[in-house]
Structure formats: C-alpha cells, structure tokens
Amino acid sequence: MRIAVASEGNAVTGHFGHCTNFNLYDTENGAVVREESVPNPGHRPGFLPNFLADRGVNVIISGGMGGGAVDIFNERNVEVVVGASGDAKEAVLSYLKGELKSTGSVCHEHQHHGDCNG
C-alpha cells in the first residue's frame, strides 16, 4: 500500500492543496518499507488528487481538504483521512495500527485555509 501525507517538510499540513510537499510511504505488513518526498507541483483545481492517484497512492492523509479534492479521491478509490496533525511518518504508523481515524473535516473556503483542520 502507498500512503501520501500532505506535508510541510516532515509535518502534516493543515490544508492539502497548499502543502509544500507530499511524503510518500510504501508499506508492507504494517511497516514502512520505502519513503520519498515529492514537491507539490502546484495547486490547480482537480490536479493534485489525480497527480497522487497516478503515482499509485491508496491513502491520503492531511489536516484538511476541500470537498472537490475529496470527491476526486473517492472517484479514484483513494481513501481520504483528514484531521491529522504532527509528524507525517507518525501519522502513517498510527494509520497502519488503526489508530488514526478521519474527522471528516472538509474545507469550504480556501481563503481561510488556516482554519480547515478544526
């Protein structure tokens, strides 16, 4: 399974589309076996969910995310986990243990992107 975390360096970002980078983690048997960081190629409506799905991502973890991105991920069979915070790799490990649950926090107004993960 491949898990992506919308990040600012190694920390989970509050808003998916405005992250600095995506940390990608390949996992097997509940453990991370490979990790890489990919710079955010730019926030354009509908682009990032397909960008990640085309790279084989099965799960996306973020602090918050707009409804349009959630819809595209759902169409691409990518599980969306929002409401996460802290260290990106720790969030992935918590997810793998079944401890990280999505809060369902969806952002509706992009100009208030600092308020999306509440």
PDB file of N, CA and C in Angstrom:
ATOM      1  N   MET A   1       0.842  -1.172   0.000  1.00  0.00           N
ATOM      2  CA  MET A   1       0.000   0.000   0.000  1.00  0.00           C
ATOM      3  C   MET A   1       0.890   1.239   0.000  1.00  0.00           C
ATOM      4  N   ARG A   2       0.464   2.254  -0.726  1.00  0.00           N
ATOM      5  CA  ARG A   2       1.199   3.527  -0.772  1.00  0.00           C
ATOM      6  C   ARG A   2       0.330   4.597  -0.106  1.00  0.00           C
ATOM      7  N   ILE A   3       0.928   5.266   0.863  1.00  0.00           N
ATOM      8  CA  ILE A   3       0.240   6.307   1.619  1.00  0.00           C
ATOM      9  C   ILE A   3       0.945   7.634   1.372  1.00  0.00           C
ATOM     10  N   ALA A   4       0.177   8.663   1.038  1.00  0.00           N
ATOM     11  CA  ALA A   4       0.723  10.008   0.865  1.00  0.00           C
ATOM     12  C   ALA A   4       0.273  10.875   2.030  1.00  0.00           C
ATOM     13  N   VAL A   5       1.172  11.747   2.487  1.00  0.00           N
ATOM     14  CA  VAL A   5       0.836  12.703   3.538  1.00  0.00           C
ATOM     15  C   VAL A   5       1.120  14.101   3.004  1.00  0.00           C
ATOM     16  N   ALA A   6       0.086  14.937   2.964  1.00  0.00           N
ATOM     17  CA  ALA A   6       0.270  16.341   2.582  1.00  0.00           C
ATOM     18  C   ALA A   6       1.054  16.997   3.707  1.00  0.00           C
ATOM     19  N   SER A   7       2.228  17.554   3.388  1.00  0.00           N
ATOM     20  CA  SER A   7       3.167  17.961   4.430  1.00  0.00           C
ATOM     21  C   SER A   7       3.786  19.333   4.219  1.00  0.00           C
ATOM     22  N   GLU A   8       4.320  19.843   5.313  1.00  0.00           N
ATOM     23  CA  GLU A   8       5.238  20.985   5.333  1.00  0.00           C
ATOM     24  C   GLU A   8       6.526  20.376   5.873  1.00  0.00           C
ATOM     25  N   GLY A   9       7.421  19.978   5.006  1.00  0.00           N
ATOM     26  CA  GLY A   9       8.613  19.254   5.453  1.00  0.00           C
ATOM     27  C   GLY A   9       8.211  17.866   5.935  1.00  0.00           C
ATOM     28  N   ASN A  10       8.394  17.612   7.239  1.00  0.00           N
ATOM     29  CA  ASN A  10       8.016  16.311   7.798  1.00  0.00           C
ATOM     30  C   ASN A  10       6.768  16.376   8.661  1.00  0.00           C
ATOM     31  N   ALA A  11       6.069  17.519   8.639  1.00  0.00           N
ATOM     32  CA  ALA A  11       4.859  17.680   9.449  1.00  0.00           C
ATOM     33  C   ALA A  11       3.616  17.661   8.567  1.00  0.00           C
ATOM     34  N   VAL A  12       2.537  17.070   9.086  1.00  0.00           N
ATOM     35  CA  VAL A  12       1.260  17.069   8.373  1.00  0.00           C
ATOM     36  C   VAL A  12       0.786  18.515   8.243  1.00  0.00           C
ATOM     37  N   THR A  13       0.374  18.901   7.037  1.00  0.00           N
ATOM     38  CA  THR A  13      -0.092  20.273   6.813  1.00  0.00           C
ATOM     39  C   THR A  13      -1.575  20.407   7.151  1.00  0.00           C
ATOM     40  N   GLY A  14      -1.979  21.635   7.442  1.00  0.00           N
ATOM     41  CA  GLY A  14      -3.381  21.893   7.751  1.00  0.00           C
ATOM     42  C   GLY A  14      -4.282  21.886   6.538  1.00  0.00           C
ATOM     43  N   HIS A  15      -3.734  22.162   5.365  1.00  0.00           N
ATOM     44  CA  HIS A  15      -4.564  22.183   4.163  1.00  0.00           C
ATOM     45  C   HIS A  15      -3.856  21.505   3.000  1.00  0.00           C
ATOM     46  N   PHE A  16      -4.495  20.490   2.489  1.00  0.00           N
ATOM     47  CA  PHE A  16      -3.971  19.632   1.437  1.00  0.00           C
ATOM     48  C   PHE A  16      -3.361  20.389   0.253  1.00  0.00           C
ATOM     49  N   GLY A  17      -4.133  21.248  -0.396  1.00  0.00           N
ATOM     50  CA  GLY A  17      -3.689  21.876  -1.641  1.00  0.00           C
ATOM     51  C   GLY A  17      -2.546  22.858  -1.491  1.00  0.00           C
ATOM     52  N   HIS A  18      -2.358  23.372  -0.279  1.00  0.00           N
ATOM     53  CA  HIS A  18      -1.336  24.394  -0.065  1.00  0.00           C
ATOM     54  C   HIS A  18      -0.093  23.839   0.620  1.00  0.00           C
ATOM     55  N   CYS A  19       0.064  22.528   0.648  1.00  0.00           N
ATOM     56  CA  CYS A  19       1.235  21.930   1.285  1.00  0.00           C
ATOM     57  C   CYS A  19       2.500  22.233   0.479  1.00  0.00           C
ATOM     58  N   THR A  20       3.644  22.066   1.123  1.00  0.00           N
ATOM     59  CA  THR A  20       4.930  22.262   0.464  1.00  0.00           C
ATOM     60  C   THR A  20       5.319  21.020  -0.329  1.00  0.00           C
ATOM     61  N   ASN A  21       5.038  19.856   0.258  1.00  0.00           N
ATOM     62  CA  ASN A  21       5.452  18.590  -0.347  1.00  0.00           C
ATOM     63  C   ASN A  21       4.505  17.475   0.074  1.00  0.00           C
ATOM     64  N   PHE A  22       4.628  16.354  -0.622  1.00  0.00           N
ATOM     65  CA  PHE A  22       3.912  15.132  -0.258  1.00  0.00           C
ATOM     66  C   PHE A  22       4.945  14.098   0.148  1.00  0.00           C
ATOM     67  N   ASN A  23       4.807  13.573   1.356  1.00  0.00           N
ATOM     68  CA  ASN A  23       5.657  12.465   1.776  1.00  0.00           C
ATOM     69  C   ASN A  23       4.932  11.182   1.390  1.00  0.00           C
ATOM     70  N   LEU A  24       5.601  10.344   0.606  1.00  0.00           N
ATOM     71  CA  LEU A  24       5.020   9.089   0.135  1.00  0.00           C
ATOM     72  C   LEU A  24       5.673   7.933   0.880  1.00  0.00           C
ATOM     73  N   TYR A  25       4.835   7.038   1.386  1.00  0.00           N
ATOM     74  CA  TYR A  25       5.319   5.895   2.158  1.00  0.00           C
ATOM     75  C   TYR A  25       4.770   4.615   1.544  1.00  0.00           C
ATOM     76  N   ASP A  26       5.670   3.717   1.148  1.00  0.00           N
ATOM     77  CA  ASP A  26       5.264   2.391   0.706  1.00  0.00           C
ATOM     78  C   ASP A  26       5.282   1.500   1.935  1.00  0.00           C
ATOM     79  N   THR A  27       4.190   0.755   2.133  1.00  0.00           N
ATOM     80  CA  THR A  27       4.078  -0.068   3.334  1.00  0.00           C
ATOM     81  C   THR A  27       3.802  -1.520   2.975  1.00  0.00           C
ATOM     82  N   GLU A  28       4.298  -2.385   3.823  1.00  0.00           N
ATOM     83  CA  GLU A  28       4.037  -3.826   3.707  1.00  0.00           C
ATOM     84  C   GLU A  28       3.923  -4.391   5.108  1.00  0.00           C
ATOM     85  N   ASN A  29       2.908  -5.194   5.333  1.00  0.00           N
ATOM     86  CA  ASN A  29       2.722  -5.869   6.620  1.00  0.00           C
ATOM     87  C   ASN A  29       2.779  -4.902   7.799  1.00  0.00           C
ATOM     88  N   GLY A  30       2.163  -3.733   7.652  1.00  0.00           N
ATOM     89  CA  GLY A  30       2.087  -2.776   8.743  1.00  0.00           C
ATOM     90  C   GLY A  30       3.347  -1.992   9.023  1.00  0.00           C
ATOM     91  N   ALA A  31       4.314  -2.039   8.107  1.00  0.00           N
ATOM     92  CA  ALA A  31       5.567  -1.304   8.310  1.00  0.00           C
ATOM     93  C   ALA A  31       5.901  -0.485   7.068  1.00  0.00           C
ATOM     94  N   VAL A  32       6.608   0.626   7.275  1.00  0.00           N
ATOM     95  CA  VAL A  32       7.069   1.449   6.160  1.00  0.00           C
ATOM     96  C   VAL A  32       8.334   0.814   5.594  1.00  0.00           C
ATOM     97  N   VAL A  33       8.322   0.535   4.283  1.00  0.00           N
ATOM     98  CA  VAL A  33       9.484  -0.094   3.651  1.00  0.00           C
ATOM     99  C   VAL A  33      10.234   0.866   2.722  1.00  0.00           C
ATOM    100  N   ARG A  34       9.585   1.975   2.355  1.00  0.00           N
ATOM    101  CA  ARG A  34      10.231   2.960   1.473  1.00  0.00           C
ATOM    102  C   ARG A  34       9.541   4.289   1.666  1.00  0.00           C
ATOM    103  N   GLU A  35      10.314   5.372   1.659  1.00  0.00           N
ATOM    104  CA  GLU A  35       9.708   6.693   1.748  1.00  0.00           C
ATOM    105  C   GLU A  35      10.424   7.665   0.834  1.00  0.00           C
ATOM    106  N   GLU A  36       9.649   8.623   0.326  1.00  0.00           N
ATOM    107  CA  GLU A  36      10.215   9.669  -0.516  1.00  0.00           C
ATOM    108  C   GLU A  36       9.378  10.925  -0.352  1.00  0.00           C
ATOM    109  N   SER A  37       9.987  12.053  -0.661  1.00  0.00           N
ATOM    110  CA  SER A  37       9.289  13.328  -0.612  1.00  0.00           C
ATOM    111  C   SER A  37       9.197  13.877  -2.025  1.00  0.00           C
ATOM    112  N   VAL A  38       8.009  14.317  -2.409  1.00  0.00           N
ATOM    113  CA  VAL A  38       7.765  14.876  -3.738  1.00  0.00           C
ATOM    114  C   VAL A  38       7.258  16.302  -3.551  1.00  0.00           C
ATOM    115  N   PRO A  39       7.888  17.290  -4.188  1.00  0.00           N
ATOM    116  CA  PRO A  39       7.412  18.671  -4.067  1.00  0.00           C
ATOM    117  C   PRO A  39       5.989  18.814  -4.620  1.00  0.00           C
ATOM    118  N   ASN A  40       5.203  19.686  -4.007  1.00  0.00           N
ATOM    119  CA  ASN A  40       3.875  19.976  -4.519  1.00  0.00           C
ATOM    120  C   ASN A  40       4.041  20.640  -5.892  1.00  0.00           C
ATOM    121  N   PRO A  41       3.506  20.036  -6.963  1.00  0.00           N
ATOM    122  CA  PRO A  41       3.692  20.602  -8.304  1.00  0.00           C
ATOM    123  C   PRO A  41       2.811  21.811  -8.589  1.00  0.00           C
ATOM    124  N   GLY A  42       1.975  22.195  -7.643  1.00  0.00           N
ATOM    125  CA  GLY A  42       1.136  23.371  -7.839  1.00  0.00           C
ATOM    126  C   GLY A  42      -0.329  23.070  -7.616  1.00  0.00           C
ATOM    127  N   HIS A  43      -1.019  24.004  -6.973  1.00  0.00           N
ATOM    128  CA  HIS A  43      -2.425  23.833  -6.636  1.00  0.00           C
ATOM    129  C   HIS A  43      -3.286  24.336  -7.784  1.00  0.00           C
ATOM    130  N   ARG A  44      -3.911  23.388  -8.487  1.00  0.00           N
ATOM    131  CA  ARG A  44      -4.875  23.720  -9.536  1.00  0.00           C
ATOM    132  C   ARG A  44      -6.075  22.815  -9.303  1.00  0.00           C
ATOM    133  N   PRO A  45      -7.292  23.331  -9.468  1.00  0.00           N
ATOM    134  CA  PRO A  45      -8.471  22.509  -9.197  1.00  0.00           C
ATOM    135  C   PRO A  45      -8.421  21.159  -9.910  1.00  0.00           C
ATOM    136  N   GLY A  46      -8.573  20.101  -9.128  1.00  0.00           N
ATOM    137  CA  GLY A  46      -8.645  18.754  -9.676  1.00  0.00           C
ATOM    138  C   GLY A  46      -7.326  18.101 -10.017  1.00  0.00           C
ATOM    139  N   PHE A  47      -6.223  18.840  -9.964  1.00  0.00           N
ATOM    140  CA  PHE A  47      -4.946  18.290 -10.423  1.00  0.00           C
ATOM    141  C   PHE A  47      -4.292  17.374  -9.391  1.00  0.00           C
ATOM    142  N   LEU A  48      -4.157  17.820  -8.158  1.00  0.00           N
ATOM    143  CA  LEU A  48      -3.386  17.060  -7.162  1.00  0.00           C
ATOM    144  C   LEU A  48      -3.949  15.676  -6.857  1.00  0.00           C
ATOM    145  N   PRO A  49      -5.263  15.498  -6.724  1.00  0.00           N
ATOM    146  CA  PRO A  49      -5.758  14.134  -6.476  1.00  0.00           C
ATOM    147  C   PRO A  49      -5.372  13.157  -7.591  1.00  0.00           C
ATOM    148  N   ASN A  50      -5.455  13.614  -8.839  1.00  0.00           N
ATOM    149  CA  ASN A  50      -5.063  12.745  -9.952  1.00  0.00           C
ATOM    150  C   ASN A  50      -3.552  12.544  -9.998  1.00  0.00           C
ATOM    151  N   PHE A  51      -2.786  13.599  -9.695  1.00  0.00           N
ATOM    152  CA  PHE A  51      -1.327  13.510  -9.621  1.00  0.00           C
ATOM    153  C   PHE A  51      -0.918  12.397  -8.651  1.00  0.00           C
ATOM    154  N   LEU A  52      -1.542  12.356  -7.492  1.00  0.00           N
ATOM    155  CA  LEU A  52      -1.195  11.343  -6.484  1.00  0.00           C
ATOM    156  C   LEU A  52      -1.742   9.962  -6.851  1.00  0.00           C
ATOM    157  N   ALA A  53      -2.974   9.911  -7.323  1.00  0.00           N
ATOM    158  CA  ALA A  53      -3.556   8.620  -7.710  1.00  0.00           C
ATOM    159  C   ALA A  53      -2.755   7.985  -8.840  1.00  0.00           C
ATOM    160  N   ASP A  54      -2.271   8.801  -9.777  1.00  0.00           N
ATOM    161  CA  ASP A  54      -1.460   8.284 -10.882  1.00  0.00           C
ATOM    162  C   ASP A  54      -0.126   7.722 -10.394  1.00  0.00           C
ATOM    163  N   ARG A  55       0.299   8.099  -9.188  1.00  0.00           N
ATOM    164  CA  ARG A  55       1.534   7.571  -8.594  1.00  0.00           C
ATOM    165  C   ARG A  55       1.260   6.370  -7.701  1.00  0.00           C
ATOM    166  N   GLY A  56       0.057   5.835  -7.761  1.00  0.00           N
ATOM    167  CA  GLY A  56      -0.264   4.617  -7.035  1.00  0.00           C
ATOM    168  C   GLY A  56      -0.656   4.813  -5.584  1.00  0.00           C
ATOM    169  N   VAL A  57      -1.014   6.036  -5.207  1.00  0.00           N
ATOM    170  CA  VAL A  57      -1.397   6.301  -3.821  1.00  0.00           C
ATOM    171  C   VAL A  57      -2.745   5.647  -3.524  1.00  0.00           C
ATOM    172  N   ASN A  58      -2.823   4.942  -2.381  1.00  0.00           N
ATOM    173  CA  ASN A  58      -4.050   4.285  -1.932  1.00  0.00           C
ATOM    174  C   ASN A  58      -4.750   5.055  -0.824  1.00  0.00           C
ATOM    175  N   VAL A  59      -3.963   5.844  -0.062  1.00  0.00           N
ATOM    176  CA  VAL A  59      -4.487   6.603   1.079  1.00  0.00           C
ATOM    177  C   VAL A  59      -3.823   7.972   1.082  1.00  0.00           C
ATOM    178  N   ILE A  60      -4.612   9.037   1.337  1.00  0.00           N
ATOM    179  CA  ILE A  60      -4.067  10.374   1.510  1.00  0.00           C
ATOM    180  C   ILE A  60      -4.403  10.837   2.922  1.00  0.00           C
ATOM    181  N   ILE A  61      -3.392  11.356   3.615  1.00  0.00           N
ATOM    182  CA  ILE A  61      -3.569  11.872   4.968  1.00  0.00           C
ATOM    183  C   ILE A  61      -3.268  13.365   4.935  1.00  0.00           C
ATOM    184  N   SER A  62      -4.152  14.170   5.556  1.00  0.00           N
ATOM    185  CA  SER A  62      -3.970  15.619   5.593  1.00  0.00           C
ATOM    186  C   SER A  62      -4.688  16.182   6.812  1.00  0.00           C
ATOM    187  N   GLY A  63      -4.367  17.435   7.131  1.00  0.00           N
ATOM    188  CA  GLY A  63      -5.103  18.107   8.198  1.00  0.00           C
ATOM    189  C   GLY A  63      -6.511  18.426   7.741  1.00  0.00           C
ATOM    190  N   GLY A  64      -6.621  19.065   6.574  1.00  0.00           N
ATOM    191  CA  GLY A  64      -7.904  19.411   5.990  1.00  0.00           C
ATOM    192  C   GLY A  64      -7.825  19.325   4.480  1.00  0.00           C
ATOM    193  N   MET A  65      -9.002  19.315   3.838  1.00  0.00           N
ATOM    194  CA  MET A  65      -9.042  19.156   2.381  1.00  0.00           C
ATOM    195  C   MET A  65     -10.369  19.687   1.869  1.00  0.00           C
ATOM    196  N   GLY A  66     -10.344  20.297   0.695  1.00  0.00           N
ATOM    197  CA  GLY A  66     -11.567  20.773   0.070  1.00  0.00           C
ATOM    198  C   GLY A  66     -12.425  19.637  -0.463  1.00  0.00           C
ATOM    199  N   GLY A  67     -13.716  19.902  -0.548  1.00  0.00           N
ATOM    200  CA  GLY A  67     -14.665  18.885  -0.992  1.00  0.00           C
ATOM    201  C   GLY A  67     -14.421  18.383  -2.404  1.00  0.00           C
ATOM    202  N   GLY A  68     -13.949  19.260  -3.288  1.00  0.00           N
ATOM    203  CA  GLY A  68     -13.667  18.826  -4.663  1.00  0.00           C
ATOM    204  C   GLY A  68     -12.569  17.789  -4.708  1.00  0.00           C
ATOM    205  N   ALA A  69     -11.515  18.005  -3.929  1.00  0.00           N
ATOM    206  CA  ALA A  69     -10.420  17.032  -3.879  1.00  0.00           C
ATOM    207  C   ALA A  69     -10.897  15.714  -3.283  1.00  0.00           C
ATOM    208  N   VAL A  70     -11.709  15.790  -2.215  1.00  0.00           N
ATOM    209  CA  VAL A  70     -12.252  14.568  -1.601  1.00  0.00           C
ATOM    210  C   VAL A  70     -13.049  13.782  -2.630  1.00  0.00           C
ATOM    211  N   ASP A  71     -13.887  14.476  -3.414  1.00  0.00           N
ATOM    212  CA  ASP A  71     -14.700  13.796  -4.432  1.00  0.00           C
ATOM    213  C   ASP A  71     -13.836  13.087  -5.464  1.00  0.00           C
ATOM    214  N   ILE A  72     -12.771  13.749  -5.936  1.00  0.00           N
ATOM    215  CA  ILE A  72     -11.899  13.124  -6.944  1.00  0.00           C
ATOM    216  C   ILE A  72     -11.174  11.923  -6.352  1.00  0.00           C
ATOM    217  N   PHE A  73     -10.662  12.064  -5.116  1.00  0.00           N
ATOM    218  CA  PHE A  73     -10.020  10.908  -4.473  1.00  0.00           C
ATOM    219  C   PHE A  73     -11.002   9.748  -4.364  1.00  0.00           C
ATOM    220  N   ASN A  74     -12.242  10.027  -3.984  1.00  0.00           N
ATOM    221  CA  ASN A  74     -13.239   8.968  -3.877  1.00  0.00           C
ATOM    222  C   ASN A  74     -13.476   8.294  -5.223  1.00  0.00           C
ATOM    223  N   GLU A  75     -13.539   9.097  -6.284  1.00  0.00           N
ATOM    224  CA  GLU A  75     -13.714   8.543  -7.630  1.00  0.00           C
ATOM    225  C   GLU A  75     -12.542   7.656  -8.036  1.00  0.00           C
ATOM    226  N   ARG A  76     -11.354   7.976  -7.539  1.00  0.00           N
ATOM    227  CA  ARG A  76     -10.135   7.225  -7.871  1.00  0.00           C
ATOM    228  C   ARG A  76      -9.847   6.101  -6.863  1.00  0.00           C
ATOM    229  N   ASN A  77     -10.793   5.862  -5.954  1.00  0.00           N
ATOM    230  CA  ASN A  77     -10.655   4.807  -4.934  1.00  0.00           C
ATOM    231  C   ASN A  77      -9.455   5.027  -4.023  1.00  0.00           C
ATOM    232  N   VAL A  78      -9.208   6.289  -3.669  1.00  0.00           N
ATOM    233  CA  VAL A  78      -8.157   6.637  -2.725  1.00  0.00           C
ATOM    234  C   VAL A  78      -8.845   7.021  -1.414  1.00  0.00           C
ATOM    235  N   GLU A  79      -8.478   6.351  -0.325  1.00  0.00           N
ATOM    236  CA  GLU A  79      -9.063   6.654   0.975  1.00  0.00           C
ATOM    237  C   GLU A  79      -8.550   8.003   1.472  1.00  0.00           C
ATOM    238  N   VAL A  80      -9.456   8.847   1.954  1.00  0.00           N
ATOM    239  CA  VAL A  80      -9.110  10.171   2.464  1.00  0.00           C
ATOM    240  C   VAL A  80      -9.187  10.161   3.985  1.00  0.00           C
ATOM    241  N   VAL A  81      -8.080  10.560   4.631  1.00  0.00           N
ATOM    242  CA  VAL A  81      -8.042  10.693   6.083  1.00  0.00           C
ATOM    243  C   VAL A  81      -7.676  12.137   6.395  1.00  0.00           C
ATOM    244  N   VAL A  82      -8.628  12.891   6.961  1.00  0.00           N
ATOM    245  CA  VAL A  82      -8.373  14.282   7.318  1.00  0.00           C
ATOM    246  C   VAL A  82      -8.491  14.451   8.826  1.00  0.00           C
ATOM    247  N   GLY A  83      -7.931  15.542   9.307  1.00  0.00           N
ATOM    248  CA  GLY A  83      -7.933  15.805  10.741  1.00  0.00           C
ATOM    249  C   GLY A  83      -6.635  15.392  11.404  1.00  0.00           C
ATOM    250  N   ALA A  84      -5.650  14.978  10.609  1.00  0.00           N
ATOM    251  CA  ALA A  84      -4.361  14.540  11.150  1.00  0.00           C
ATOM    252  C   ALA A  84      -3.488  15.749  11.459  1.00  0.00           C
ATOM    253  N   SER A  85      -2.502  15.557  12.336  1.00  0.00           N
ATOM    254  CA  SER A  85      -1.530  16.605  12.644  1.00  0.00           C
ATOM    255  C   SER A  85      -0.269  15.946  13.165  1.00  0.00           C
ATOM    256  N   GLY A  86       0.777  16.754  13.322  1.00  0.00           N
ATOM    257  CA  GLY A  86       2.031  16.233  13.861  1.00  0.00           C
ATOM    258  C   GLY A  86       2.952  15.702  12.787  1.00  0.00           C
ATOM    259  N   ASP A  87       3.816  14.767  13.180  1.00  0.00           N
ATOM    260  CA  ASP A  87       4.814  14.193  12.288  1.00  0.00           C
ATOM    261  C   ASP A  87       4.157  13.293  11.235  1.00  0.00           C
ATOM    262  N   ALA A  88       4.559  13.465   9.976  1.00  0.00           N
ATOM    263  CA  ALA A  88       3.949  12.720   8.868  1.00  0.00           C
ATOM    264  C   ALA A  88       4.127  11.211   9.030  1.00  0.00           C
ATOM    265  N   LYS A  89       5.341  10.765   9.330  1.00  0.00           N
ATOM    266  CA  LYS A  89       5.577   9.319   9.440  1.00  0.00           C
ATOM    267  C   LYS A  89       4.818   8.735  10.635  1.00  0.00           C
ATOM    268  N   GLU A  90       4.747   9.489  11.735  1.00  0.00           N
ATOM    269  CA  GLU A  90       3.972   9.023  12.896  1.00  0.00           C
ATOM    270  C   GLU A  90       2.497   8.880  12.534  1.00  0.00           C
ATOM    271  N   ALA A  91       1.969   9.808  11.711  1.00  0.00           N
ATOM    272  CA  ALA A  91       0.580   9.711  11.274  1.00  0.00           C
ATOM    273  C   ALA A  91       0.364   8.434  10.463  1.00  0.00           C
ATOM    274  N   VAL A  92       1.327   8.111   9.596  1.00  0.00           N
ATOM    275  CA  VAL A  92       1.230   6.885   8.793  1.00  0.00           C
ATOM    276  C   VAL A  92       1.256   5.650   9.700  1.00  0.00           C
ATOM    277  N   LEU A  93       2.159   5.633  10.657  1.00  0.00           N
ATOM    278  CA  LEU A  93       2.248   4.488  11.565  1.00  0.00           C
ATOM    279  C   LEU A  93       0.969   4.346  12.389  1.00  0.00           C
ATOM    280  N   SER A  94       0.394   5.469  12.822  1.00  0.00           N
ATOM    281  CA  SER A  94      -0.880   5.429  13.552  1.00  0.00           C
ATOM    282  C   SER A  94      -1.990   4.880  12.660  1.00  0.00           C
ATOM    283  N   TYR A  95      -1.991   5.294  11.386  1.00  0.00           N
ATOM    284  CA  TYR A  95      -2.983   4.781  10.436  1.00  0.00           C
ATOM    285  C   TYR A  95      -2.832   3.262  10.279  1.00  0.00           C
ATOM    286  N   LEU A  96      -1.601   2.816  10.129  1.00  0.00           N
ATOM    287  CA  LEU A  96      -1.357   1.383   9.924  1.00  0.00           C
ATOM    288  C   LEU A  96      -1.793   0.550  11.138  1.00  0.00           C
ATOM    289  N   LYS A  97      -1.735   1.148  12.335  1.00  0.00           N
ATOM    290  CA  LYS A  97      -2.176   0.455  13.556  1.00  0.00           C
ATOM    291  C   LYS A  97      -3.678   0.568  13.770  1.00  0.00           C
ATOM    292  N   GLY A  98      -4.361   1.317  12.887  1.00  0.00           N
ATOM    293  CA  GLY A  98      -5.798   1.514  13.037  1.00  0.00           C
ATOM    294  C   GLY A  98      -6.156   2.577  14.055  1.00  0.00           C
ATOM    295  N   GLU A  99      -5.182   3.395  14.445  1.00  0.00           N
ATOM    296  CA  GLU A  99      -5.406   4.409  15.473  1.00  0.00           C
ATOM    297  C   GLU A  99      -5.753   5.783  14.910  1.00  0.00           C
ATOM    298  N   LEU A 100      -5.484   6.025  13.630  1.00  0.00           N
ATOM    299  CA  LEU A 100      -5.764   7.325  13.021  1.00  0.00           C
ATOM    300  C   LEU A 100      -7.074   7.224  12.258  1.00  0.00           C
ATOM    301  N   LYS A 101      -8.063   7.984  12.706  1.00  0.00           N
ATOM    302  CA  LYS A 101      -9.376   7.983  12.060  1.00  0.00           C
ATOM    303  C   LYS A 101      -9.649   9.356  11.466  1.00  0.00           C
ATOM    304  N   SER A 102     -10.312   9.374  10.341  1.00  0.00           N
ATOM    305  CA  SER A 102     -10.645  10.638   9.698  1.00  0.00           C
ATOM    306  C   SER A 102     -11.712  11.373  10.488  1.00  0.00           C
ATOM    307  N   THR A 103     -11.524  12.683  10.648  1.00  0.00           N
ATOM    308  CA  THR A 103     -12.529  13.505  11.309  1.00  0.00           C
ATOM    309  C   THR A 103     -13.605  13.952  10.331  1.00  0.00           C
ATOM    310  N   GLY A 104     -13.349  13.777   9.038  1.00  0.00           N
ATOM    311  CA  GLY A 104     -14.292  14.229   8.028  1.00  0.00           C
ATOM    312  C   GLY A 104     -14.273  15.736   7.844  1.00  0.00           C
ATOM    313  N   SER A 105     -13.214  16.397   8.318  1.00  0.00           N
ATOM    314  CA  SER A 105     -13.100  17.857   8.239  1.00  0.00           C
ATOM    315  C   SER A 105     -12.838  18.288   6.806  1.00  0.00           C
ATOM    316  N   VAL A 106     -13.847  18.872   6.181  1.00  0.00           N
ATOM    317  CA  VAL A 106     -13.716  19.317   4.795  1.00  0.00           C
ATOM    318  C   VAL A 106     -13.712  20.835   4.768  1.00  0.00           C
ATOM    319  N   CYS A 107     -12.755  21.409   4.045  1.00  0.00           N
ATOM    320  CA  CYS A 107     -12.640  22.862   3.918  1.00  0.00           C
ATOM    321  C   CYS A 107     -13.623  23.359   2.866  1.00  0.00           C
ATOM    322  N   HIS A 108     -14.259  24.484   3.150  1.00  0.00           N
ATOM    323  CA  HIS A 108     -15.213  25.034   2.197  1.00  0.00           C
ATOM    324  C   HIS A 108     -14.774  26.367   1.628  1.00  0.00           C
ATOM    325  N   GLU A 109     -13.911  27.090   2.335  1.00  0.00           N
ATOM    326  CA  GLU A 109     -13.486  28.393   1.859  1.00  0.00           C
ATOM    327  C   GLU A 109     -11.964  28.458   1.842  1.00  0.00           C
ATOM    328  N   HIS A 110     -11.391  28.458   0.643  1.00  0.00           N
ATOM    329  CA  HIS A 110      -9.934  28.405   0.522  1.00  0.00           C
ATOM    330  C   HIS A 110      -9.230  29.617   1.100  1.00  0.00           C
ATOM    331  N   GLN A 111      -9.884  30.769   1.142  1.00  0.00           N
ATOM    332  CA  GLN A 111      -9.193  31.935   1.690  1.00  0.00           C
ATOM    333  C   GLN A 111      -8.975  31.808   3.190  1.00  0.00           C
ATOM    334  N   HIS A 112      -9.656  30.874   3.828  1.00  0.00           N
ATOM    335  CA  HIS A 112      -9.483  30.639   5.268  1.00  0.00           C
ATOM    336  C   HIS A 112      -8.746  29.325   5.507  1.00  0.00           C
ATOM    337  N   HIS A 113      -7.768  29.021   4.677  1.00  0.00           N
ATOM    338  CA  HIS A 113      -7.140  27.702   4.750  1.00  0.00           C
ATOM    339  C   HIS A 113      -6.473  27.420   6.078  1.00  0.00           C
ATOM    340  N   GLY A 114      -6.225  28.420   6.901  1.00  0.00           N
ATOM    341  CA  GLY A 114      -5.657  28.166   8.219  1.00  0.00           C
ATOM    342  C   GLY A 114      -6.662  27.588   9.191  1.00  0.00           C
ATOM    343  N   ASP A 115      -7.945  27.625   8.842  1.00  0.00           N
ATOM    344  CA  ASP A 115      -9.000  27.163   9.751  1.00  0.00           C
ATOM    345  C   ASP A 115      -9.593  25.819   9.339  1.00  0.00           C
ATOM    346  N   CYS A 116      -8.945  25.113   8.428  1.00  0.00           N
ATOM    347  CA  CYS A 116      -9.558  23.912   7.859  1.00  0.00           C
ATOM    348  C   CYS A 116      -9.465  22.687   8.739  1.00  0.00           C
ATOM    349  N   ASN A 117      -8.527  22.636   9.655  1.00  0.00           N
ATOM    350  CA  ASN A 117      -8.329  21.376  10.377  1.00  0.00           C
ATOM    351  C   ASN A 117      -8.967  21.403  11.754  1.00  0.00           C
ATOM    352  N   GLY A 118     -10.071  22.068  11.899  1.00  0.00           N
ATOM    353  CA  GLY A 118     -10.707  22.138  13.207  1.00  0.00           C
ATOM    354  C   GLY A 118     -12.014  21.439  13.264  1.00  0.00           C
TER     355      GLY A 118
END
